Every structure is written in C-alpha cells, then in structure tokens.
PDB file of all heavy atoms in Angstrom:
ATOM      1  N   GLY A   1      -8.708 -33.854   0.689  1.00  0.00           N
ATOM      2  CA  GLY A   1      -9.434 -32.602   0.531  1.00  0.00           C
ATOM      3  C   GLY A   1      -9.484 -32.238  -0.952  1.00  0.00           C
ATOM      4  O   GLY A   1      -8.986 -32.904  -1.827  1.00  0.00           O
ATOM      5  N   HIS A   2     -10.170 -31.084  -1.233  1.00  0.00           N
ATOM      6  CA  HIS A   2     -10.323 -30.691  -2.626  1.00  0.00           C
ATOM      7  C   HIS A   2      -9.099 -30.027  -3.078  1.00  0.00           C
ATOM      8  O   HIS A   2      -8.345 -29.378  -2.322  1.00  0.00           O
ATOM      9  CB  HIS A   2     -11.514 -29.721  -2.728  1.00  0.00           C
ATOM     10  CG  HIS A   2     -11.998 -29.463  -4.075  1.00  0.00           C
ATOM     11  ND1 HIS A   2     -11.612 -28.367  -4.779  1.00  0.00           N
ATOM     12  CD2 HIS A   2     -12.797 -30.130  -4.920  1.00  0.00           C
ATOM     13  CE1 HIS A   2     -12.198 -28.359  -6.010  1.00  0.00           C
ATOM     14  NE2 HIS A   2     -12.883 -29.488  -6.106  1.00  0.00           N
ATOM     15  N   VAL A   3      -8.846 -30.038  -4.464  1.00  0.00           N
ATOM     16  CA  VAL A   3      -7.634 -29.481  -4.972  1.00  0.00           C
ATOM     17  C   VAL A   3      -7.600 -27.956  -4.716  1.00  0.00           C
ATOM     18  O   VAL A   3      -6.529 -27.375  -4.605  1.00  0.00           O
ATOM     19  CB  VAL A   3      -7.581 -29.723  -6.541  1.00  0.00           C
ATOM     20  CG1 VAL A   3      -8.697 -29.033  -7.262  1.00  0.00           C
ATOM     21  CG2 VAL A   3      -6.195 -29.320  -7.061  1.00  0.00           C
ATOM     22  N   SER A   4      -8.788 -27.292  -4.648  1.00  0.00           N
ATOM     23  CA  SER A   4      -8.823 -25.891  -4.350  1.00  0.00           C
ATOM     24  C   SER A   4      -8.322 -25.589  -2.920  1.00  0.00           C
ATOM     25  O   SER A   4      -7.707 -24.511  -2.648  1.00  0.00           O
ATOM     26  CB  SER A   4     -10.239 -25.288  -4.479  1.00  0.00           C
ATOM     27  OG  SER A   4     -11.094 -25.913  -3.618  1.00  0.00           O
ATOM     28  N   TRP A   5      -8.510 -26.540  -2.005  1.00  0.00           N
ATOM     29  CA  TRP A   5      -7.990 -26.389  -0.640  1.00  0.00           C
ATOM     30  C   TRP A   5      -6.428 -26.380  -0.697  1.00  0.00           C
ATOM     31  O   TRP A   5      -5.754 -25.644  -0.033  1.00  0.00           O
ATOM     32  CB  TRP A   5      -8.478 -27.509   0.263  1.00  0.00           C
ATOM     33  CG  TRP A   5      -9.935 -27.576   0.419  1.00  0.00           C
ATOM     34  CD1 TRP A   5     -10.937 -26.864  -0.195  1.00  0.00           C
ATOM     35  CD2 TRP A   5     -10.610 -28.508   1.227  1.00  0.00           C
ATOM     36  NE1 TRP A   5     -12.169 -27.301   0.179  1.00  0.00           N
ATOM     37  CE2 TRP A   5     -12.039 -28.260   1.101  1.00  0.00           C
ATOM     38  CE3 TRP A   5     -10.181 -29.561   2.140  1.00  0.00           C
ATOM     39  CZ2 TRP A   5     -13.020 -28.987   1.738  1.00  0.00           C
ATOM     40  CZ3 TRP A   5     -11.201 -30.246   2.800  1.00  0.00           C
ATOM     41  CH2 TRP A   5     -12.583 -29.990   2.593  1.00  0.00           C
ATOM     42  N   LEU A   6      -5.872 -27.369  -1.517  1.00  0.00           N
ATOM     43  CA  LEU A   6      -4.441 -27.485  -1.586  1.00  0.00           C
ATOM     44  C   LEU A   6      -3.820 -26.221  -2.184  1.00  0.00           C
ATOM     45  O   LEU A   6      -2.811 -25.671  -1.741  1.00  0.00           O
ATOM     46  CB  LEU A   6      -4.080 -28.656  -2.445  1.00  0.00           C
ATOM     47  CG  LEU A   6      -3.923 -30.030  -1.789  1.00  0.00           C
ATOM     48  CD1 LEU A   6      -2.833 -29.991  -0.772  1.00  0.00           C
ATOM     49  CD2 LEU A   6      -5.259 -30.476  -1.110  1.00  0.00           C
ATOM     50  N   ARG A   7      -4.508 -25.642  -3.271  1.00  0.00           N
ATOM     51  CA  ARG A   7      -4.006 -24.426  -3.870  1.00  0.00           C
ATOM     52  C   ARG A   7      -4.011 -23.246  -2.871  1.00  0.00           C
ATOM     53  O   ARG A   7      -3.142 -22.517  -2.759  1.00  0.00           O
ATOM     54  CB  ARG A   7      -4.851 -24.064  -5.087  1.00  0.00           C
ATOM     55  CG  ARG A   7      -4.642 -25.015  -6.316  1.00  0.00           C
ATOM     56  CD  ARG A   7      -5.072 -24.318  -7.564  1.00  0.00           C
ATOM     57  NE  ARG A   7      -4.966 -25.192  -8.731  1.00  0.00           N
ATOM     58  CZ  ARG A   7      -5.966 -25.900  -9.247  1.00  0.00           C
ATOM     59  NH1 ARG A   7      -7.204 -25.750  -8.787  1.00  0.00           N
ATOM     60  NH2 ARG A   7      -5.773 -26.658 -10.279  1.00  0.00           N
ATOM     61  N   ALA A   8      -5.119 -23.223  -2.071  1.00  0.00           N
ATOM     62  CA  ALA A   8      -5.192 -22.163  -1.005  1.00  0.00           C
ATOM     63  C   ALA A   8      -4.090 -22.317   0.003  1.00  0.00           C
ATOM     64  O   ALA A   8      -3.487 -21.320   0.426  1.00  0.00           O
ATOM     65  CB  ALA A   8      -6.553 -22.204  -0.422  1.00  0.00           C
ATOM     66  N   ALA A   9      -3.777 -23.591   0.436  1.00  0.00           N
ATOM     67  CA  ALA A   9      -2.754 -23.803   1.346  1.00  0.00           C
ATOM     68  C   ALA A   9      -1.377 -23.484   0.772  1.00  0.00           C
ATOM     69  O   ALA A   9      -0.500 -22.889   1.460  1.00  0.00           O
ATOM     70  CB  ALA A   9      -2.732 -25.261   1.803  1.00  0.00           C
ATOM     71  N   PHE A  10      -1.149 -23.832  -0.533  1.00  0.00           N
ATOM     72  CA  PHE A  10       0.069 -23.437  -1.170  1.00  0.00           C
ATOM     73  C   PHE A  10       0.272 -21.938  -1.208  1.00  0.00           C
ATOM     74  O   PHE A  10       1.376 -21.397  -0.881  1.00  0.00           O
ATOM     75  CB  PHE A  10       0.057 -23.904  -2.658  1.00  0.00           C
ATOM     76  CG  PHE A  10       0.540 -25.283  -2.929  1.00  0.00           C
ATOM     77  CD1 PHE A  10       0.321 -26.348  -1.991  1.00  0.00           C
ATOM     78  CD2 PHE A  10       1.250 -25.638  -4.044  1.00  0.00           C
ATOM     79  CE1 PHE A  10       0.814 -27.586  -2.244  1.00  0.00           C
ATOM     80  CE2 PHE A  10       1.722 -26.851  -4.299  1.00  0.00           C
ATOM     81  CZ  PHE A  10       1.502 -27.907  -3.403  1.00  0.00           C
ATOM     82  N   ASP A  11      -0.803 -21.213  -1.463  1.00  0.00           N
ATOM     83  CA  ASP A  11      -0.796 -19.785  -1.541  1.00  0.00           C
ATOM     84  C   ASP A  11      -0.460 -19.054  -0.211  1.00  0.00           C
ATOM     85  O   ASP A  11       0.329 -18.195  -0.019  1.00  0.00           O
ATOM     86  CB  ASP A  11      -2.056 -19.190  -2.148  1.00  0.00           C
ATOM     87  CG  ASP A  11      -1.988 -17.692  -2.383  1.00  0.00           C
ATOM     88  OD1 ASP A  11      -1.069 -17.283  -3.056  1.00  0.00           O
ATOM     89  OD2 ASP A  11      -2.923 -17.001  -1.921  1.00  0.00           O
ATOM     90  N   GLU A  12      -1.121 -19.664   0.856  1.00  0.00           N
ATOM     91  CA  GLU A  12      -0.887 -19.116   2.219  1.00  0.00           C
ATOM     92  C   GLU A  12       0.523 -19.308   2.646  1.00  0.00           C
ATOM     93  O   GLU A  12       1.160 -18.476   3.244  1.00  0.00           O
ATOM     94  CB  GLU A  12      -1.913 -19.775   3.201  1.00  0.00           C
ATOM     95  CG  GLU A  12      -3.310 -19.330   2.984  1.00  0.00           C
ATOM     96  CD  GLU A  12      -4.234 -20.008   4.052  1.00  0.00           C
ATOM     97  OE1 GLU A  12      -3.761 -20.566   4.961  1.00  0.00           O
ATOM     98  OE2 GLU A  12      -5.452 -19.945   3.796  1.00  0.00           O
ATOM     99  N   LEU A  13       1.115 -20.560   2.358  1.00  0.00           N
ATOM    100  CA  LEU A  13       2.492 -20.743   2.718  1.00  0.00           C
ATOM    101  C   LEU A  13       3.421 -19.875   1.912  1.00  0.00           C
ATOM    102  O   LEU A  13       4.470 -19.393   2.397  1.00  0.00           O
ATOM    103  CB  LEU A  13       2.835 -22.234   2.488  1.00  0.00           C
ATOM    104  CG  LEU A  13       2.202 -23.242   3.482  1.00  0.00           C
ATOM    105  CD1 LEU A  13       2.474 -24.673   3.055  1.00  0.00           C
ATOM    106  CD2 LEU A  13       2.724 -22.986   4.896  1.00  0.00           C
ATOM    107  N   HIS A  14       3.059 -19.620   0.712  1.00  0.00           N
ATOM    108  CA  HIS A  14       3.932 -18.764  -0.198  1.00  0.00           C
ATOM    109  C   HIS A  14       3.939 -17.361   0.315  1.00  0.00           C
ATOM    110  O   HIS A  14       5.045 -16.687   0.283  1.00  0.00           O
ATOM    111  CB  HIS A  14       3.362 -18.750  -1.593  1.00  0.00           C
ATOM    112  CG  HIS A  14       4.092 -17.871  -2.558  1.00  0.00           C
ATOM    113  ND1 HIS A  14       5.483 -18.054  -2.884  1.00  0.00           N
ATOM    114  CD2 HIS A  14       3.670 -16.789  -3.254  1.00  0.00           C
ATOM    115  CE1 HIS A  14       5.844 -17.167  -3.773  1.00  0.00           C
ATOM    116  NE2 HIS A  14       4.783 -16.394  -4.006  1.00  0.00           N
ATOM    117  N   ARG A  15       2.863 -16.917   0.890  1.00  0.00           N
ATOM    118  CA  ARG A  15       2.774 -15.485   1.380  1.00  0.00           C
ATOM    119  C   ARG A  15       3.587 -15.303   2.690  1.00  0.00           C
ATOM    120  O   ARG A  15       3.936 -14.142   2.976  1.00  0.00           O
ATOM    121  CB  ARG A  15       1.295 -15.120   1.717  1.00  0.00           C
ATOM    122  CG  ARG A  15       0.499 -14.769   0.463  1.00  0.00           C
ATOM    123  CD  ARG A  15      -0.758 -13.987   0.768  1.00  0.00           C
ATOM    124  NE  ARG A  15      -1.632 -14.714   1.636  1.00  0.00           N
ATOM    125  CZ  ARG A  15      -2.687 -15.434   1.179  1.00  0.00           C
ATOM    126  NH1 ARG A  15      -2.894 -15.551  -0.086  1.00  0.00           N
ATOM    127  NH2 ARG A  15      -3.469 -16.030   2.039  1.00  0.00           N
ATOM    128  N   THR A  16       3.948 -16.336   3.306  1.00  0.00           N
ATOM    129  CA  THR A  16       4.826 -16.258   4.470  1.00  0.00           C
ATOM    130  C   THR A  16       6.253 -15.874   4.130  1.00  0.00           C
ATOM    131  O   THR A  16       7.037 -15.437   4.992  1.00  0.00           O
ATOM    132  CB  THR A  16       4.883 -17.542   5.331  1.00  0.00           C
ATOM    133  OG1 THR A  16       5.444 -18.637   4.490  1.00  0.00           O
ATOM    134  CG2 THR A  16       3.473 -17.943   5.742  1.00  0.00           C
ATOM    135  N   GLY A  17       6.637 -16.068   2.859  1.00  0.00           N
ATOM    136  CA  GLY A  17       7.956 -15.790   2.431  1.00  0.00           C
ATOM    137  C   GLY A  17       8.924 -16.925   2.638  1.00  0.00           C
ATOM    138  O   GLY A  17      10.099 -16.830   2.263  1.00  0.00           O
ATOM    139  N   GLN A  18       8.467 -17.977   3.269  1.00  0.00           N
ATOM    140  CA  GLN A  18       9.342 -19.111   3.597  1.00  0.00           C
ATOM    141  C   GLN A  18       9.240 -20.206   2.611  1.00  0.00           C
ATOM    142  O   GLN A  18       9.984 -21.210   2.664  1.00  0.00           O
ATOM    143  CB  GLN A  18       9.011 -19.634   5.020  1.00  0.00           C
ATOM    144  CG  GLN A  18       9.079 -18.617   6.133  1.00  0.00           C
ATOM    145  CD  GLN A  18       8.761 -19.202   7.471  1.00  0.00           C
ATOM    146  OE1 GLN A  18       8.907 -20.416   7.678  1.00  0.00           O
ATOM    147  NE2 GLN A  18       8.154 -18.365   8.339  1.00  0.00           N
ATOM    148  N   TYR A  19       8.303 -20.116   1.635  1.00  0.00           N
ATOM    149  CA  TYR A  19       8.136 -21.117   0.625  1.00  0.00           C
ATOM    150  C   TYR A  19       7.952 -20.530  -0.741  1.00  0.00           C
ATOM    151  O   TYR A  19       7.481 -19.390  -0.911  1.00  0.00           O
ATOM    152  CB  TYR A  19       6.874 -21.992   1.016  1.00  0.00           C
ATOM    153  CG  TYR A  19       6.977 -22.718   2.308  1.00  0.00           C
ATOM    154  CD1 TYR A  19       6.665 -22.139   3.470  1.00  0.00           C
ATOM    155  CD2 TYR A  19       7.514 -24.048   2.344  1.00  0.00           C
ATOM    156  CE1 TYR A  19       6.812 -22.811   4.726  1.00  0.00           C
ATOM    157  CE2 TYR A  19       7.625 -24.705   3.544  1.00  0.00           C
ATOM    158  CZ  TYR A  19       7.282 -24.068   4.663  1.00  0.00           C
ATOM    159  OH  TYR A  19       7.399 -24.723   5.938  1.00  0.00           O
ATOM    160  N   ASP A  20       8.389 -21.348  -1.745  1.00  0.00           N
ATOM    161  CA  ASP A  20       8.298 -20.874  -3.128  1.00  0.00           C
ATOM    162  C   ASP A  20       7.287 -21.756  -3.841  1.00  0.00           C
ATOM    163  O   ASP A  20       7.182 -22.988  -3.618  1.00  0.00           O
ATOM    164  CB  ASP A  20       9.643 -21.041  -3.812  1.00  0.00           C
ATOM    165  CG  ASP A  20       9.617 -20.464  -5.225  1.00  0.00           C
ATOM    166  OD1 ASP A  20       8.867 -19.477  -5.485  1.00  0.00           O
ATOM    167  OD2 ASP A  20      10.331 -21.021  -6.090  1.00  0.00           O
ATOM    168  N   VAL A  21       6.405 -21.159  -4.667  1.00  0.00           N
ATOM    169  CA  VAL A  21       5.370 -21.890  -5.401  1.00  0.00           C
ATOM    170  C   VAL A  21       5.555 -21.446  -6.887  1.00  0.00           C
ATOM    171  O   VAL A  21       5.519 -20.273  -7.218  1.00  0.00           O
ATOM    172  CB  VAL A  21       3.934 -21.542  -4.965  1.00  0.00           C
ATOM    173  CG1 VAL A  21       2.934 -22.276  -5.795  1.00  0.00           C
ATOM    174  CG2 VAL A  21       3.774 -21.880  -3.445  1.00  0.00           C
ATOM    175  N   ARG A  22       5.711 -22.461  -7.758  1.00  0.00           N
ATOM    176  CA  ARG A  22       5.791 -22.194  -9.175  1.00  0.00           C
ATOM    177  C   ARG A  22       5.461 -23.475  -9.976  1.00  0.00           C
ATOM    178  O   ARG A  22       5.564 -24.583  -9.408  1.00  0.00           O
ATOM    179  CB  ARG A  22       7.155 -21.660  -9.531  1.00  0.00           C
ATOM    180  CG  ARG A  22       8.356 -22.649  -9.354  1.00  0.00           C
ATOM    181  CD  ARG A  22       9.689 -22.029  -9.765  1.00  0.00           C
ATOM    182  NE  ARG A  22       9.936 -20.837  -8.951  1.00  0.00           N
ATOM    183  CZ  ARG A  22      10.170 -19.612  -9.535  1.00  0.00           C
ATOM    184  NH1 ARG A  22      10.090 -19.517 -10.811  1.00  0.00           N
ATOM    185  NH2 ARG A  22      10.447 -18.578  -8.767  1.00  0.00           N
ATOM    186  N   GLU A  23       5.123 -23.196 -11.231  1.00  0.00           N
ATOM    187  CA  GLU A  23       4.813 -24.289 -12.090  1.00  0.00           C
ATOM    188  C   GLU A  23       6.145 -24.813 -12.814  1.00  0.00           C
ATOM    189  O   GLU A  23       6.828 -23.946 -13.305  1.00  0.00           O
ATOM    190  CB  GLU A  23       3.784 -23.945 -13.178  1.00  0.00           C
ATOM    191  CG  GLU A  23       3.330 -25.082 -14.016  1.00  0.00           C
ATOM    192  CD  GLU A  23       2.327 -24.679 -15.038  1.00  0.00           C
ATOM    193  OE1 GLU A  23       2.031 -23.435 -15.146  1.00  0.00           O
ATOM    194  OE2 GLU A  23       1.856 -25.525 -15.816  1.00  0.00           O
ATOM    195  N   ARG A  24       6.393 -26.104 -12.796  1.00  0.00           N
ATOM    196  CA  ARG A  24       7.599 -26.599 -13.369  1.00  0.00           C
ATOM    197  C   ARG A  24       7.242 -27.639 -14.464  1.00  0.00           C
ATOM    198  O   ARG A  24       6.296 -28.430 -14.296  1.00  0.00           O
ATOM    199  CB  ARG A  24       8.410 -27.277 -12.301  1.00  0.00           C
ATOM    200  CG  ARG A  24       8.942 -26.264 -11.256  1.00  0.00           C
ATOM    201  CD  ARG A  24       9.869 -26.935 -10.247  1.00  0.00           C
ATOM    202  NE  ARG A  24      10.329 -25.939  -9.265  1.00  0.00           N
ATOM    203  CZ  ARG A  24      11.130 -26.280  -8.254  1.00  0.00           C
ATOM    204  NH1 ARG A  24      11.484 -27.506  -8.054  1.00  0.00           N
ATOM    205  NH2 ARG A  24      11.491 -25.294  -7.407  1.00  0.00           N
ATOM    206  N   ALA A  25       8.084 -27.649 -15.471  1.00  0.00           N
ATOM    207  CA  ALA A  25       7.833 -28.576 -16.623  1.00  0.00           C
ATOM    208  C   ALA A  25       7.819 -29.996 -16.210  1.00  0.00           C
ATOM    209  O   ALA A  25       8.697 -30.482 -15.491  1.00  0.00           O
ATOM    210  CB  ALA A  25       8.920 -28.377 -17.636  1.00  0.00           C
ATOM    211  N   GLY A  26       6.776 -30.686 -16.562  1.00  0.00           N
ATOM    212  CA  GLY A  26       6.575 -32.091 -16.310  1.00  0.00           C
ATOM    213  C   GLY A  26       6.191 -32.476 -14.917  1.00  0.00           C
ATOM    214  O   GLY A  26       5.973 -33.648 -14.614  1.00  0.00           O
ATOM    215  N   LYS A  27       6.092 -31.443 -14.053  1.00  0.00           N
ATOM    216  CA  LYS A  27       5.734 -31.732 -12.625  1.00  0.00           C
ATOM    217  C   LYS A  27       4.469 -30.953 -12.216  1.00  0.00           C
ATOM    218  O   LYS A  27       3.930 -31.193 -11.148  1.00  0.00           O
ATOM    219  CB  LYS A  27       6.885 -31.386 -11.706  1.00  0.00           C
ATOM    220  CG  LYS A  27       8.135 -32.279 -11.980  1.00  0.00           C
ATOM    221  CD  LYS A  27       9.220 -31.986 -10.964  1.00  0.00           C
ATOM    222  CE  LYS A  27      10.401 -32.868 -11.215  1.00  0.00           C
ATOM    223  NZ  LYS A  27      11.516 -32.615 -10.214  1.00  0.00           N
ATOM    224  N   GLY A  28       4.141 -29.914 -12.926  1.00  0.00           N
ATOM    225  CA  GLY A  28       2.983 -29.112 -12.539  1.00  0.00           C
ATOM    226  C   GLY A  28       3.311 -28.131 -11.444  1.00  0.00           C
ATOM    227  O   GLY A  28       4.474 -27.682 -11.274  1.00  0.00           O
ATOM    228  N   LEU A  29       2.319 -27.819 -10.600  1.00  0.00           N
ATOM    229  CA  LEU A  29       2.566 -26.788  -9.577  1.00  0.00           C
ATOM    230  C   LEU A  29       3.353 -27.463  -8.422  1.00  0.00           C
ATOM    231  O   LEU A  29       2.995 -28.513  -7.955  1.00  0.00           O
ATOM    232  CB  LEU A  29       1.154 -26.367  -9.013  1.00  0.00           C
ATOM    233  CG  LEU A  29       1.092 -24.988  -8.442  1.00  0.00           C
ATOM    234  CD1 LEU A  29       1.524 -23.906  -9.499  1.00  0.00           C
ATOM    235  CD2 LEU A  29      -0.350 -24.733  -7.978  1.00  0.00           C
ATOM    236  N   MET A  30       4.393 -26.687  -7.950  1.00  0.00           N
ATOM    237  CA  MET A  30       5.278 -27.270  -6.943  1.00  0.00           C
ATOM    238  C   MET A  30       5.453 -26.276  -5.759  1.00  0.00           C
ATOM    239  O   MET A  30       5.457 -25.110  -5.970  1.00  0.00           O
ATOM    240  CB  MET A  30       6.708 -27.526  -7.587  1.00  0.00           C
ATOM    241  CG  MET A  30       6.719 -28.415  -8.766  1.00  0.00           C
ATOM    242  SD  MET A  30       6.390 -30.122  -8.292  1.00  0.00           S
ATOM    243  CE  MET A  30       7.770 -30.534  -7.296  1.00  0.00           C
ATOM    244  N   LEU A  31       5.562 -26.875  -4.597  1.00  0.00           N
ATOM    245  CA  LEU A  31       5.786 -26.120  -3.337  1.00  0.00           C
ATOM    246  C   LEU A  31       7.188 -26.437  -2.837  1.00  0.00           C
ATOM    247  O   LEU A  31       7.464 -27.667  -2.689  1.00  0.00           O
ATOM    248  CB  LEU A  31       4.789 -26.425  -2.318  1.00  0.00           C
ATOM    249  CG  LEU A  31       4.996 -25.781  -0.890  1.00  0.00           C
ATOM    250  CD1 LEU A  31       4.757 -24.295  -0.917  1.00  0.00           C
ATOM    251  CD2 LEU A  31       4.056 -26.470   0.151  1.00  0.00           C
ATOM    252  N   SER A  32       8.091 -25.545  -2.593  1.00  0.00           N
ATOM    253  CA  SER A  32       9.400 -25.841  -2.107  1.00  0.00           C
ATOM    254  C   SER A  32       9.922 -24.644  -1.231  1.00  0.00           C
ATOM    255  O   SER A  32       9.311 -23.554  -1.179  1.00  0.00           O
ATOM    256  CB  SER A  32      10.343 -26.022  -3.299  1.00  0.00           C
ATOM    257  OG  SER A  32      10.416 -24.840  -4.112  1.00  0.00           O
TER     258      SER A  32
END
C-alpha cells in the first residue's frame, strides 16, 4: 500500500491508546 495508508493506520492504532507512535533517531517513525 501507499505510505500515507501506513501513516493513517499508525495514527488509528495510536488513538486506541494501546500503541505508541514516535520518531526515533536512526529509525524514523516507529509503532510500538
């Protein structure tokens, strides 16, 4: 899929409160 789809999915999971999304040095945007 398109990178914008991935960002949207990252954001939707983040809003559930069960996942953290942040930019990390050397790794870029991370979901955890």
